[in-house]
């Protein structure tokens, strides 16, 4: 039984590591790191306690809500205020190395959302030959520092 669990976790680790390596390889070959300016930050909240989460009825995706409503929803559904989590949707603009024009991009992150402030400069990866295409990978060990 233990050997099977080790094999499963080892296989999952290899799959995740392989995916991160392929992503990093694509970025290193086809993208270049550029500065981008945060144009807009929208913060919303969701409820999750590790075992349970509040989801949309039709899609079963996390139910995002206005953060002022989250404490009321937490109380109604038996969550503590510690189970309220924030998500930032960040819109940014960057200069494309492909054609020298400015383009917009967007990403979402949960957790430490206070670091995303309108007007701040962040690093993103802009495609070398496809104008307007960018990526903002998070926590990829193969890319080193500079991830969003």
C-alpha atoms as a PDB file:
ATOM      1  CA  UNK A   1       0.000   0.000   0.000  1.00  0.00           C
ATOM      2  CA  UNK A   2       2.766   2.450   0.999  1.00  0.00           C
ATOM      3  CA  UNK A   3       4.745   1.687  -2.166  1.00  0.00           C
ATOM      4  CA  UNK A   4       1.677   2.458  -4.263  1.00  0.00           C
ATOM      5  CA  UNK A   5       1.213   5.826  -2.536  1.00  0.00           C
ATOM      6  CA  UNK A   6       4.875   6.666  -3.067  1.00  0.00           C
ATOM      7  CA  UNK A   7       4.564   5.760  -6.747  1.00  0.00           C
ATOM      8  CA  UNK A   8       1.422   7.887  -7.142  1.00  0.00           C
ATOM      9  CA  UNK A   9       2.954  10.912  -5.415  1.00  0.00           C
ATOM     10  CA  UNK A  10       6.202  10.448  -7.307  1.00  0.00           C
ATOM     11  CA  UNK A  11       4.299  10.322 -10.583  1.00  0.00           C
ATOM     12  CA  UNK A  12       2.329  13.448  -9.698  1.00  0.00           C
ATOM     13  CA  UNK A  13       5.528  15.250  -8.738  1.00  0.00           C
ATOM     14  CA  UNK A  14       7.157  14.276 -12.022  1.00  0.00           C
ATOM     15  CA  UNK A  15       4.085  15.429 -13.967  1.00  0.00           C
ATOM     16  CA  UNK A  16       3.977  18.799 -12.210  1.00  0.00           C
ATOM     17  CA  UNK A  17       7.744  19.271 -12.544  1.00  0.00           C
ATOM     18  CA  UNK A  18       7.607  18.284 -16.215  1.00  0.00           C
ATOM     19  CA  UNK A  19       4.782  20.732 -16.887  1.00  0.00           C
ATOM     20  CA  UNK A  20       6.684  23.546 -15.178  1.00  0.00           C
ATOM     21  CA  UNK A  21       9.827  22.691 -17.165  1.00  0.00           C
ATOM     22  CA  UNK A  22       7.929  22.732 -20.496  1.00  0.00           C
ATOM     23  CA  UNK A  23       6.304  26.068 -19.573  1.00  0.00           C
ATOM     24  CA  UNK A  24       9.666  27.571 -18.625  1.00  0.00           C
ATOM     25  CA  UNK A  25      11.312  26.242 -21.791  1.00  0.00           C
ATOM     26  CA  UNK A  26       8.561  27.795 -23.956  1.00  0.00           C
ATOM     27  CA  UNK A  27       8.939  31.117 -22.165  1.00  0.00           C
ATOM     28  CA  UNK A  28      12.731  31.138 -22.442  1.00  0.00           C
ATOM     29  CA  UNK A  29      12.603  30.369 -26.189  1.00  0.00           C
ATOM     30  CA  UNK A  30       9.636  32.500 -27.286  1.00  0.00           C
ATOM     31  CA  UNK A  31       9.228  35.304 -24.729  1.00  0.00           C
ATOM     32  CA  UNK A  32      11.278  38.086 -23.251  1.00  0.00           C
ATOM     33  CA  UNK A  33      10.817  39.634 -19.829  1.00  0.00           C
ATOM     34  CA  UNK A  34       9.506  43.212 -19.990  1.00  0.00           C
ATOM     35  CA  UNK A  35       8.192  45.791 -17.556  1.00  0.00           C
ATOM     36  CA  UNK A  36       4.448  46.304 -17.452  1.00  0.00           C
ATOM     37  CA  UNK A  37       2.349  48.912 -15.681  1.00  0.00           C
ATOM     38  CA  UNK A  38      -0.633  47.879 -13.584  1.00  0.00           C
ATOM     39  CA  UNK A  39      -3.637  49.782 -14.912  1.00  0.00           C
ATOM     40  CA  UNK A  40      -6.437  48.349 -12.761  1.00  0.00           C
ATOM     41  CA  UNK A  41      -6.831  46.004  -9.810  1.00  0.00           C
ATOM     42  CA  UNK A  42     -10.163  44.431  -8.871  1.00  0.00           C
ATOM     43  CA  UNK A  43     -10.361  42.565  -5.573  1.00  0.00           C
ATOM     44  CA  UNK A  44     -13.080  40.053  -4.809  1.00  0.00           C
ATOM     45  CA  UNK A  45     -13.449  37.366  -2.178  1.00  0.00           C
ATOM     46  CA  UNK A  46     -14.349  33.699  -1.843  1.00  0.00           C
ATOM     47  CA  UNK A  47     -14.956  31.285   1.019  1.00  0.00           C
ATOM     48  CA  UNK A  48     -12.889  28.153   1.519  1.00  0.00           C
ATOM     49  CA  UNK A  49     -11.746  26.277   4.600  1.00  0.00           C
ATOM     50  CA  UNK A  50      -9.649  23.483   3.117  1.00  0.00           C
ATOM     51  CA  UNK A  51     -12.399  20.883   3.078  1.00  0.00           C
ATOM     52  CA  UNK A  52     -15.343  23.003   2.016  1.00  0.00           C
ATOM     53  CA  UNK A  53     -15.852  25.864  -0.395  1.00  0.00           C
ATOM     54  CA  UNK A  54     -18.789  27.861  -1.686  1.00  0.00           C
ATOM     55  CA  UNK A  55     -19.292  27.272  -5.403  1.00  0.00           C
ATOM     56  CA  UNK A  56     -21.556  28.488  -8.188  1.00  0.00           C
ATOM     57  CA  UNK A  57     -24.606  26.265  -8.516  1.00  0.00           C
ATOM     58  CA  UNK A  58     -24.323  25.743 -12.284  1.00  0.00           C
ATOM     59  CA  UNK A  59     -20.556  25.593 -12.821  1.00  0.00           C
ATOM     60  CA  UNK A  60     -19.236  24.382  -9.445  1.00  0.00           C
ATOM     61  CA  UNK A  61     -16.484  27.027  -9.770  1.00  0.00           C
ATOM     62  CA  UNK A  62     -15.603  29.063  -6.701  1.00  0.00           C
ATOM     63  CA  UNK A  63     -18.276  31.663  -5.958  1.00  0.00           C
ATOM     64  CA  UNK A  64     -16.574  35.060  -5.974  1.00  0.00           C
ATOM     65  CA  UNK A  65     -18.302  37.926  -4.228  1.00  0.00           C
ATOM     66  CA  UNK A  66     -17.833  41.519  -3.182  1.00  0.00           C
ATOM     67  CA  UNK A  67     -15.543  41.513  -0.150  1.00  0.00           C
ATOM     68  CA  UNK A  68     -18.022  43.603   1.853  1.00  0.00           C
ATOM     69  CA  UNK A  69     -20.532  40.745   1.529  1.00  0.00           C
ATOM     70  CA  UNK A  70     -18.080  37.962   2.411  1.00  0.00           C
ATOM     71  CA  UNK A  71     -18.420  38.257   6.231  1.00  0.00           C
ATOM     72  CA  UNK A  72     -22.221  37.943   5.931  1.00  0.00           C
ATOM     73  CA  UNK A  73     -21.921  34.932   3.620  1.00  0.00           C
ATOM     74  CA  UNK A  74     -19.353  33.370   5.958  1.00  0.00           C
ATOM     75  CA  UNK A  75     -21.703  33.684   8.915  1.00  0.00           C
ATOM     76  CA  UNK A  76     -24.692  32.386   6.939  1.00  0.00           C
ATOM     77  CA  UNK A  77     -22.852  29.262   5.743  1.00  0.00           C
ATOM     78  CA  UNK A  78     -20.952  28.494   8.950  1.00  0.00           C
ATOM     79  CA  UNK A  79     -17.483  29.720   7.978  1.00  0.00           C
ATOM     80  CA  UNK A  80     -15.195  31.813  10.139  1.00  0.00           C
ATOM     81  CA  UNK A  81     -13.789  35.113   8.926  1.00  0.00           C
ATOM     82  CA  UNK A  82     -10.412  33.342   8.587  1.00  0.00           C
ATOM     83  CA  UNK A  83     -11.977  31.379   5.705  1.00  0.00           C
ATOM     84  CA  UNK A  84     -12.448  34.527   3.628  1.00  0.00           C
ATOM     85  CA  UNK A  85      -9.803  34.711   0.896  1.00  0.00           C
ATOM     86  CA  UNK A  86      -9.082  37.472  -1.594  1.00  0.00           C
ATOM     87  CA  UNK A  87      -8.445  37.260  -5.315  1.00  0.00           C
ATOM     88  CA  UNK A  88      -6.980  40.072  -7.420  1.00  0.00           C
ATOM     89  CA  UNK A  89      -7.749  40.497 -11.102  1.00  0.00           C
ATOM     90  CA  UNK A  90      -4.945  42.663 -12.448  1.00  0.00           C
ATOM     91  CA  UNK A  91      -5.024  44.487 -15.791  1.00  0.00           C
ATOM     92  CA  UNK A  92      -1.669  45.678 -17.097  1.00  0.00           C
ATOM     93  CA  UNK A  93      -0.160  47.271 -20.179  1.00  0.00           C
ATOM     94  CA  UNK A  94       3.182  46.417 -21.760  1.00  0.00           C
ATOM     95  CA  UNK A  95       5.291  47.367 -24.754  1.00  0.00           C
ATOM     96  CA  UNK A  96       5.485  44.459 -27.192  1.00  0.00           C
ATOM     97  CA  UNK A  97       8.956  43.624 -28.493  1.00  0.00           C
ATOM     98  CA  UNK A  98       7.288  42.142 -31.580  1.00  0.00           C
ATOM     99  CA  UNK A  99       6.010  45.436 -33.023  1.00  0.00           C
ATOM    100  CA  UNK A 100       6.763  48.218 -30.514  1.00  0.00           C
ATOM    101  CA  UNK A 101       3.108  48.879 -29.658  1.00  0.00           C
ATOM    102  CA  UNK A 102       1.416  48.856 -26.259  1.00  0.00           C
ATOM    103  CA  UNK A 103      -0.985  46.034 -25.405  1.00  0.00           C
ATOM    104  CA  UNK A 104      -3.100  45.004 -22.443  1.00  0.00           C
ATOM    105  CA  UNK A 105      -2.987  41.788 -20.484  1.00  0.00           C
ATOM    106  CA  UNK A 106      -4.692  40.405 -17.412  1.00  0.00           C
ATOM    107  CA  UNK A 107      -4.069  37.809 -14.726  1.00  0.00           C
ATOM    108  CA  UNK A 108      -5.607  36.664 -11.459  1.00  0.00           C
ATOM    109  CA  UNK A 109      -3.871  35.722  -8.227  1.00  0.00           C
ATOM    110  CA  UNK A 110      -5.114  34.684  -4.820  1.00  0.00           C
ATOM    111  CA  UNK A 111      -3.429  35.230  -1.523  1.00  0.00           C
ATOM    112  CA  UNK A 112      -1.076  38.182  -1.123  1.00  0.00           C
ATOM    113  CA  UNK A 113      -3.089  40.618  -3.253  1.00  0.00           C
ATOM    114  CA  UNK A 114      -2.027  43.816  -1.455  1.00  0.00           C
ATOM    115  CA  UNK A 115       1.169  43.968  -3.521  1.00  0.00           C
ATOM    116  CA  UNK A 116      -0.813  44.729  -6.696  1.00  0.00           C
ATOM    117  CA  UNK A 117      -1.328  48.492  -6.850  1.00  0.00           C
ATOM    118  CA  UNK A 118      -2.434  50.638  -9.780  1.00  0.00           C
ATOM    119  CA  UNK A 119       0.552  52.399 -11.346  1.00  0.00           C
ATOM    120  CA  UNK A 120       3.091  49.885 -10.036  1.00  0.00           C
ATOM    121  CA  UNK A 121       5.574  48.245 -12.382  1.00  0.00           C
ATOM    122  CA  UNK A 122       5.663  44.454 -12.659  1.00  0.00           C
ATOM    123  CA  UNK A 123       7.587  42.041 -14.874  1.00  0.00           C
ATOM    124  CA  UNK A 124       5.737  39.975 -17.472  1.00  0.00           C
ATOM    125  CA  UNK A 125       6.832  37.839 -20.397  1.00  0.00           C
ATOM    126  CA  UNK A 126       5.993  39.289 -23.830  1.00  0.00           C
ATOM    127  CA  UNK A 127       6.098  37.117 -26.947  1.00  0.00           C
ATOM    128  CA  UNK A 128       9.052  37.899 -29.209  1.00  0.00           C
ATOM    129  CA  UNK A 129       7.145  37.590 -32.513  1.00  0.00           C
ATOM    130  CA  UNK A 130       3.395  37.671 -31.715  1.00  0.00           C
ATOM    131  CA  UNK A 131       2.300  41.212 -30.801  1.00  0.00           C
ATOM    132  CA  UNK A 132       0.029  41.468 -27.777  1.00  0.00           C
ATOM    133  CA  UNK A 133       0.748  38.000 -26.439  1.00  0.00           C
ATOM    134  CA  UNK A 134       2.067  37.829 -22.887  1.00  0.00           C
ATOM    135  CA  UNK A 135       2.328  35.435 -19.960  1.00  0.00           C
ATOM    136  CA  UNK A 136       2.505  35.873 -16.203  1.00  0.00           C
ATOM    137  CA  UNK A 137       3.538  32.510 -14.768  1.00  0.00           C
ATOM    138  CA  UNK A 138       3.493  32.196 -11.016  1.00  0.00           C
ATOM    139  CA  UNK A 139       5.975  30.247  -8.892  1.00  0.00           C
ATOM    140  CA  UNK A 140       7.790  28.374 -11.648  1.00  0.00           C
ATOM    141  CA  UNK A 141      11.102  27.214 -10.171  1.00  0.00           C
ATOM    142  CA  UNK A 142      12.639  26.888 -13.641  1.00  0.00           C
ATOM    143  CA  UNK A 143      12.182  30.617 -14.366  1.00  0.00           C
ATOM    144  CA  UNK A 144      13.919  31.995 -11.316  1.00  0.00           C
ATOM    145  CA  UNK A 145      13.115  35.435  -9.956  1.00  0.00           C
ATOM    146  CA  UNK A 146      10.784  37.900 -11.619  1.00  0.00           C
ATOM    147  CA  UNK A 147       7.559  35.917 -11.638  1.00  0.00           C
ATOM    148  CA  UNK A 148       4.367  37.832 -11.016  1.00  0.00           C
END
